[in-house]
Amino acid sequence: MLTLRQNEIGGGRVRRGFWMGTPPKYVLAGTEFTREQLLKGFRPLNLQALMEQGAIRCWPLSKGAADSKASPGCDPAASGDAEPAERFSFHEGFGKYSVIEGRKLNPEPLTKEQAMALVMAGRSPPH
């Protein structure tokens, strides 16, 4: 499991539904939250507990998004970074995966092989 600090969170998706807010509202699995929604809508300890329990799966903020001249999810090369942001794949259920680089790179879920190919496309070969 990927553990992220508050300043490293780029966004997240609900993996297991839960109740939140006043009045209580049920958040369905599959609901996506932006970085701003996660940081402003959840208390830090509650968000951490939801991540540790697997109710929310968060992905890291891309290197380019932290840069003032880059917008979230932009190409790191365009913001002047020589090294691209690290990519991650995560399981969405039913044998489907998504690839994340600060934002989702694929519009529809992929098979495990397709997801790993997309992850490896963004990495430099081992030396």
Protein backbone atom coordinates (compact mmCIF):
# COMPACT_ATOMS: atom_id res chain seq x y z
CA MET A 1 0.00 0.00 0.00
CA LEU A 2 1.26 3.45 -0.91
CA THR A 3 1.31 5.77 2.12
CA LEU A 4 1.30 9.47 1.26
CA ARG A 5 1.69 12.60 3.35
CA GLN A 6 -0.87 15.40 3.02
CA ASN A 7 1.43 17.47 0.77
CA GLU A 8 2.04 14.49 -1.57
CA ILE A 9 -1.61 13.65 -2.37
CA GLY A 10 -2.62 14.30 -5.97
CA GLY A 11 -6.14 12.87 -5.84
CA GLY A 12 -8.00 9.75 -4.83
CA ARG A 13 -10.77 7.28 -5.48
CA VAL A 14 -13.18 5.64 -3.05
CA ARG A 15 -12.59 1.89 -2.98
CA ARG A 16 -15.11 1.07 -0.24
CA GLY A 17 -18.13 3.28 0.46
CA PHE A 18 -18.48 5.21 3.71
CA TRP A 19 -20.62 7.85 5.43
CA MET A 20 -19.34 11.43 5.76
CA GLY A 21 -20.50 14.94 6.54
CA THR A 22 -23.38 16.55 8.38
CA PRO A 23 -26.04 15.57 7.53
CA PRO A 24 -24.49 12.17 6.79
CA LYS A 25 -24.11 11.34 3.11
CA TYR A 26 -23.01 7.95 1.78
CA VAL A 27 -20.04 8.17 -0.61
CA LEU A 28 -20.15 5.35 -3.17
CA ALA A 29 -17.20 3.26 -4.27
CA GLY A 30 -15.73 4.64 -7.49
CA THR A 31 -16.23 8.29 -6.51
CA GLU A 32 -13.13 10.33 -7.40
CA PHE A 33 -11.84 13.28 -5.39
CA THR A 34 -9.44 15.97 -6.54
CA ARG A 35 -6.51 17.04 -4.40
CA GLU A 36 -8.42 20.11 -3.23
CA GLN A 37 -11.52 18.09 -2.29
CA LEU A 38 -9.43 15.66 -0.23
CA LEU A 39 -7.41 18.31 1.57
CA LYS A 40 -10.33 20.66 2.30
CA GLY A 41 -13.13 18.12 2.77
CA PHE A 42 -11.44 15.69 5.17
CA ARG A 43 -9.69 16.20 8.47
CA PRO A 44 -6.08 14.99 8.14
CA LEU A 45 -6.42 12.13 10.65
CA ASN A 46 -9.72 10.97 9.13
CA LEU A 47 -8.23 10.97 5.64
CA GLN A 48 -5.20 9.02 6.87
CA ALA A 49 -7.47 6.47 8.59
CA LEU A 50 -9.57 6.04 5.42
CA MET A 51 -6.38 5.50 3.38
CA GLU A 52 -4.97 2.98 5.87
CA GLN A 53 -8.26 1.03 5.97
CA GLY A 54 -8.37 0.93 2.16
CA ALA A 55 -11.57 2.97 1.86
CA ILE A 56 -9.78 5.63 -0.23
CA ARG A 57 -6.90 4.96 -2.62
CA CYS A 58 -4.81 8.09 -3.21
CA TRP A 59 -2.24 8.70 -5.89
CA PRO A 60 0.79 10.98 -5.65
CA LEU A 61 0.99 14.54 -6.85
CA SER A 62 3.02 14.75 -10.07
CA LYS A 63 6.29 16.65 -9.84
CA GLY A 64 5.06 19.18 -12.40
CA ALA A 65 1.87 19.97 -10.45
CA ALA A 66 3.87 21.17 -7.44
CA ASP A 67 5.67 23.64 -9.69
CA SER A 68 4.03 27.07 -9.86
CA LYS A 69 4.44 27.28 -13.64
CA ALA A 70 2.82 23.89 -14.23
CA SER A 71 -0.80 22.87 -13.91
CA PRO A 72 -1.87 19.59 -12.23
CA GLY A 73 -1.23 16.55 -14.40
CA CYS A 74 0.94 18.34 -16.94
CA ASP A 75 3.95 16.79 -18.61
CA PRO A 76 6.99 17.24 -16.32
CA ALA A 77 9.20 17.84 -19.35
CA ALA A 78 7.10 20.88 -20.22
CA SER A 79 7.68 22.37 -16.76
CA GLY A 80 11.45 22.10 -17.08
CA ASP A 81 11.97 18.88 -15.10
CA ALA A 82 14.46 16.58 -16.81
CA GLU A 83 13.15 13.47 -15.05
CA PRO A 84 9.52 12.38 -15.57
CA ALA A 85 7.25 11.76 -12.56
CA GLU A 86 7.00 8.20 -11.28
CA ARG A 87 4.03 6.18 -12.54
CA PHE A 88 1.89 3.78 -10.52
CA SER A 89 -0.73 1.21 -11.45
CA PHE A 90 -3.58 0.29 -9.17
CA HIS A 91 -6.23 -2.39 -9.28
CA GLU A 92 -9.79 -1.18 -9.88
CA GLY A 93 -11.41 -4.60 -9.47
CA PHE A 94 -12.55 -7.29 -11.87
CA GLY A 95 -9.07 -7.61 -13.40
CA LYS A 96 -8.92 -3.96 -14.50
CA TYR A 97 -6.14 -1.47 -13.67
CA SER A 98 -5.48 2.26 -14.00
CA VAL A 99 -2.13 4.01 -14.39
CA ILE A 100 -1.49 7.20 -12.42
CA GLU A 101 1.11 9.93 -12.91
CA GLY A 102 -0.40 12.58 -10.69
CA ARG A 103 -3.58 12.05 -12.72
CA LYS A 104 -5.20 9.07 -14.44
CA LEU A 105 -3.47 8.35 -17.76
CA ASN A 106 -6.06 5.96 -19.19
CA PRO A 107 -9.73 6.87 -19.80
CA GLU A 108 -10.99 3.28 -19.33
CA PRO A 109 -9.71 0.50 -17.04
CA LEU A 110 -6.97 -1.70 -18.51
CA THR A 111 -5.94 -5.31 -18.12
CA LYS A 112 -2.94 -5.96 -15.87
CA GLU A 113 -0.64 -6.45 -18.88
CA GLN A 114 -1.81 -3.22 -20.54
CA ALA A 115 -1.40 -1.28 -17.27
CA MET A 116 2.13 -2.58 -16.68
CA ALA A 117 3.08 -1.73 -20.28
CA LEU A 118 1.85 1.85 -19.73
CA VAL A 119 3.75 2.09 -16.41
CA MET A 120 6.95 0.81 -18.01
CA ALA A 121 6.59 3.22 -20.96
CA GLY A 122 7.26 6.11 -18.55
CA ARG A 123 10.33 4.60 -16.86
CA SER A 124 13.91 4.56 -18.01
CA PRO A 125 15.42 1.11 -18.61
CA PRO A 126 17.47 -0.38 -15.72
CA HIS A 127 21.22 0.18 -15.93
